[in-house]
Structures are given as C-alpha cells and as structure tokens.
C-alpha atoms as a PDB file:
ATOM      1  CA  MET A   1      69.347  55.805  -3.403  1.00  0.00           C
ATOM      2  CA  ASP A   2      68.721  53.493  -6.531  1.00  0.00           C
ATOM      3  CA  ALA A   3      65.850  50.852  -6.168  1.00  0.00           C
ATOM      4  CA  ALA A   4      67.628  48.545  -5.804  1.00  0.00           C
ATOM      5  CA  ALA A   5      69.497  49.600  -2.594  1.00  0.00           C
ATOM      6  CA  HIS A   6      66.439  51.030  -1.505  1.00  0.00           C
ATOM      7  CA  ALA A   7      64.258  47.330  -1.884  1.00  0.00           C
ATOM      8  CA  LEU A   8      67.211  45.737  -0.121  1.00  0.00           C
ATOM      9  CA  ALA A   9      67.380  48.266   2.966  1.00  0.00           C
ATOM     10  CA  THR A  10      63.276  47.601   3.235  1.00  0.00           C
ATOM     11  CA  ALA A  11      64.022  43.773   2.742  1.00  0.00           C
ATOM     12  CA  LEU A  12      66.839  43.248   5.755  1.00  0.00           C
ATOM     13  CA  ASN A  13      64.941  41.269   8.214  1.00  0.00           C
ATOM     14  CA  ARG A  14      66.720  42.112  11.784  1.00  0.00           C
ATOM     15  CA  VAL A  15      65.614  39.196  13.189  1.00  0.00           C
ATOM     16  CA  ASP A  16      66.640  36.959  10.604  1.00  0.00           C
ATOM     17  CA  PRO A  17      69.942  35.275  12.086  1.00  0.00           C
ATOM     18  CA  THR A  18      71.247  34.790   8.483  1.00  0.00           C
ATOM     19  CA  VAL A  19      71.261  38.435   8.501  1.00  0.00           C
ATOM     20  CA  ARG A  20      72.462  39.222  11.847  1.00  0.00           C
ATOM     21  CA  ALA A  21      75.815  36.554  11.401  1.00  0.00           C
ATOM     22  CA  ASP A  22      76.665  38.259   8.023  1.00  0.00           C
ATOM     23  CA  ALA A  23      76.314  41.915   9.656  1.00  0.00           C
ATOM     24  CA  LYS A  24      78.827  41.069  12.403  1.00  0.00           C
ATOM     25  CA  SER A  25      80.838  38.877  10.276  1.00  0.00           C
ATOM     26  CA  LEU A  26      81.796  42.083   7.840  1.00  0.00           C
ATOM     27  CA  ALA A  27      81.973  44.120  11.095  1.00  0.00           C
ATOM     28  CA  ALA A  28      84.356  42.227  12.181  1.00  0.00           C
ATOM     29  CA  ARG A  29      86.366  42.483   8.699  1.00  0.00           C
ATOM     30  CA  LEU A  30      86.571  46.173   8.857  1.00  0.00           C
ATOM     31  CA  VAL A  31      89.519  46.719  11.537  1.00  0.00           C
ATOM     32  CA  GLY A  32      90.756  50.413  10.661  1.00  0.00           C
ATOM     33  CA  ASP A  33      89.605  53.920  12.146  1.00  0.00           C
ATOM     34  CA  THR A  34      89.006  55.640   9.310  1.00  0.00           C
ATOM     35  CA  PRO A  35      85.806  57.849  10.009  1.00  0.00           C
ATOM     36  CA  VAL A  36      83.971  55.416   7.475  1.00  0.00           C
ATOM     37  CA  GLU A  37      85.159  52.204   9.187  1.00  0.00           C
ATOM     38  CA  VAL A  38      84.005  53.049  12.151  1.00  0.00           C
ATOM     39  CA  LEU A  39      80.507  54.329  11.005  1.00  0.00           C
ATOM     40  CA  VAL A  40      80.001  51.176   8.923  1.00  0.00           C
ATOM     41  CA  ARG A  41      81.412  49.143  11.529  1.00  0.00           C
ATOM     42  CA  SER A  42      78.722  50.715  14.238  1.00  0.00           C
ATOM     43  CA  MET A  43      76.006  49.952  12.110  1.00  0.00           C
ATOM     44  CA  LEU A  44      76.838  47.106  11.273  1.00  0.00           C
ATOM     45  CA  ALA A  45      77.244  45.882  15.103  1.00  0.00           C
ATOM     46  CA  TYR A  46      73.635  47.506  15.472  1.00  0.00           C
ATOM     47  CA  VAL A  47      72.171  45.264  12.766  1.00  0.00           C
ATOM     48  CA  ALA A  48      74.262  42.229  14.054  1.00  0.00           C
ATOM     49  CA  HIS A  49      72.239  42.825  17.643  1.00  0.00           C
ATOM     50  CA  GLY A  50      68.492  43.391  15.832  1.00  0.00           C
ATOM     51  CA  ALA A  51      68.601  46.836  15.470  1.00  0.00           C
ATOM     52  CA  GLN A  52      67.059  48.662  12.517  1.00  0.00           C
ATOM     53  CA  ILE A  53      69.411  50.667  10.758  1.00  0.00           C
ATOM     54  CA  VAL A  54      67.691  53.758   8.587  1.00  0.00           C
ATOM     55  CA  ALA A  55      70.326  55.420   6.559  1.00  0.00           C
ATOM     56  CA  LEU A  56      69.760  58.632   4.521  1.00  0.00           C
ATOM     57  CA  ARG A  57      71.878  61.476   2.615  1.00  0.00           C
ATOM     58  CA  ALA A  58      71.716  64.903   4.245  1.00  0.00           C
ATOM     59  CA  GLU A  59      70.388  65.900   0.953  1.00  0.00           C
ATOM     60  CA  ASP A  60      67.238  63.864   1.566  1.00  0.00           C
ATOM     61  CA  ASP A  61      64.072  65.640   2.225  1.00  0.00           C
ATOM     62  CA  VAL A  62      61.423  63.682   3.954  1.00  0.00           C
ATOM     63  CA  THR A  63      58.019  65.194   5.407  1.00  0.00           C
ATOM     64  CA  PRO A  64      57.408  64.985   9.226  1.00  0.00           C
ATOM     65  CA  ALA A  65      54.929  62.430   8.671  1.00  0.00           C
ATOM     66  CA  LYS A  66      57.926  60.260   6.912  1.00  0.00           C
ATOM     67  CA  ALA A  67      60.127  60.812   9.393  1.00  0.00           C
ATOM     68  CA  ALA A  68      57.601  59.832  11.800  1.00  0.00           C
ATOM     69  CA  LYS A  69      57.602  57.271  10.280  1.00  0.00           C
ATOM     70  CA  ILE A  70      61.109  56.067  10.101  1.00  0.00           C
ATOM     71  CA  LEU A  71      61.281  56.911  13.733  1.00  0.00           C
ATOM     72  CA  GLY A  72      58.539  54.783  14.805  1.00  0.00           C
ATOM     73  CA  ALA A  73      56.905  58.285  16.368  1.00  0.00           C
ATOM     74  CA  THR A  74      54.304  60.093  15.954  1.00  0.00           C
ATOM     75  CA  CYS A  75      54.481  63.166  13.716  1.00  0.00           C
ATOM     76  CA  GLN A  76      53.921  65.412  17.208  1.00  0.00           C
ATOM     77  CA  PHE A  77      57.098  63.984  18.766  1.00  0.00           C
ATOM     78  CA  VAL A  78      59.238  64.522  15.268  1.00  0.00           C
ATOM     79  CA  ASP A  79      57.579  68.385  15.427  1.00  0.00           C
ATOM     80  CA  ARG A  80      58.991  68.363  19.069  1.00  0.00           C
ATOM     81  CA  LEU A  81      62.620  66.952  18.042  1.00  0.00           C
ATOM     82  CA  CYS A  82      63.018  69.367  15.236  1.00  0.00           C
ATOM     83  CA  GLU A  83      61.251  72.137  17.848  1.00  0.00           C
ATOM     84  CA  ASP A  84      63.606  71.577  20.233  1.00  0.00           C
ATOM     85  CA  GLY A  85      66.742  71.595  17.737  1.00  0.00           C
ATOM     86  CA  VAL A  86      67.183  67.787  17.677  1.00  0.00           C
ATOM     87  CA  LEU A  87      66.344  66.979  14.515  1.00  0.00           C
ATOM     88  CA  PRO A  88      67.825  69.543  11.691  1.00  0.00           C
ATOM     89  CA  PHE A  89      64.480  70.537   9.468  1.00  0.00           C
ATOM     90  CA  ARG A  90      64.175  73.696   6.631  1.00  0.00           C
ATOM     91  CA  CYS A  91      60.284  75.016   6.386  1.00  0.00           C
ATOM     92  CA  LEU A  92      59.755  75.117   2.139  1.00  0.00           C
ATOM     93  CA  PRO A  93      57.638  77.628   0.675  1.00  0.00           C
ATOM     94  CA  GLN A  94      53.989  77.284   0.552  1.00  0.00           C
ATOM     95  CA  PRO A  95      52.719  76.998  -3.016  1.00  0.00           C
ATOM     96  CA  THR A  96      50.662  79.784  -4.157  1.00  0.00           C
ATOM     97  CA  PRO A  97      47.007  79.439  -4.776  1.00  0.00           C
ATOM     98  CA  LEU A  98      46.205  79.740  -8.685  1.00  0.00           C
END
C-alpha cells in the first residue's frame, strides 16, 4: 500500500455522515456478482453502517502486537487466535547473536 492509500485508510472517520453516505452510494452502484464486486460491496456496506474496515494484502506481515492493535484486542487474544487456527501465521527465525 502506498503512503497516500495508507493515509486515506487511516483518515476515514467511520462516524462521519459524509463518509457513510459515500460508502452507501458506491455500494449501490456495484450491481454485479463477480467476487470482486461482492467483496467491495460488502466492505462498503459495513462502512455505510459505521463499521471500521481494515484491509491488508495476504503477503503483508504484521507482528502479533500490530495485529492486536488492528483488531482492538490484546496480544494474548491474538496468540490464542493463532493457536486455534483462526489467524494464519508464520514464525520467523530468531536472529543469531553476534
């Protein structure tokens, strides 16, 4: 995600009536049933109803602490989600001491 897109994503105020109205209007204009249209329409509908949406590329790695912040949860809860298979994760090798 480029800096401008990231700034926009973090700047959307989910309680702003203009943001919610724009999301509702855009969702209504997507009338197809392709997987992309269904996904985008669903995300816009959530925004229109005041939900906070976070979109990440599958290739983007985040730390457990960052995932907790995104989800509004504790690191322990994120660890449990990973252990239960709800959140995919991978362990990175520990750096070797010099």
